[in-house]
Amino acid sequence: MPELPRYPCHRTTTPLPLDGTLTHPAWEQAPWTSDFVDIIGPDATTPRFRTRAKLLYDDQYLYVGGQLEEPHVWSTMTEPNTWLYEENNFELFLDPDGDGQNYYEFEINPLGTIWELSLPKPYSEGGVPVDPDNLPGLRTALHIDGTLNDPADTDTGWTVEAAFPWADLAKYNRNQTPPAPGDEWRMNLMRIEWDHEVVDGEYRKGKQQDFWVWSPQYVLDMHKPDQWGVLRFE
C-alpha cells in the first residue's frame, strides 16, 4: 500500500469564533489537506468536485474546516442523528490512540444537521455502533456560497467549521487529552456525493453515490482504521 497521508496540525493561540466561512485570520496558518480522492484510490475516477480541509487546535478544541465545491447545494434531512450518508454530507473519523477500536464518527449536511456515533471496533469485526454518541460541547457553523435547494442557479459550494472539545474526545483516548506536541492520531475525512435530478423545480436524489476521501481505503469501506491518515499535532 502507498504511504499514508499525514497532516501537520498547528496550534493556534486565537480561539476561533466559528462562522462557517474559514476566513478568520487564524486559519491562514493551517495548510490545506491534499484534495480528496475516490475511496478506492487515486487511480480510480477523479472526483468531479474539489474537496479539501484544514485543521487547528488549542487548549480547548480540535478545529476542523471543510471546503466542498458544489454547483448544486441541496439537502432535505433535518432530524439529528439519522443516516446522513443517504444524502450529500461531510464526515470526520477520529481514532486518537490508533488502535482501530473505540473511534468517533461525525457527519454534517448542508442544512447543518449532525450525526455523531462511535464504534467499539469496525463493522467488519462485529462492531455494534454506539448511536448516537454526541459530544456535549461540540460547536459547528456552516456557510453556503450560493442558494440552498434552488435548482434555478449554479452554486459555488459550501464550507463547514467544527470545534471538537478535548474534554469530550478524552473518552476515545484513555482520557489523555489535550494532545501534546508530537502526538499522532489516526484520522480520515470523507465527502459523500449523490447524483440528482430536478423534478417540478426541486432536487431529487439519484442512484449513484460517490465516496471521496482524504486517505484512500482501497476498498468501499470507511471503517478500515489502519488505512486512515495520520494527524500530527505540531
Foldseek 3Di string as FASTA:
>chain_A
DDDFDEAAAEEDPDDDDDAQPCPDPRSVVWDKFPWWAFLLDNVPDGDPWTKIKTWYHYQWWIKIKIWTFFFAAEDDDADAQDDRLVAKWKKKKWQQVLPQAFIKMWIAGQVRHIHIWTWRHFVVVVTDIGGGLDQPPKDKHKDWQDDYFFPPGTGGTMMMMIIHTQCRCCVSVVNDDDDDAFGKIFMKMKIKHFDWDADPRGTDTDDDITIIMSFHPSDPGPSPSVRTHMYGYD
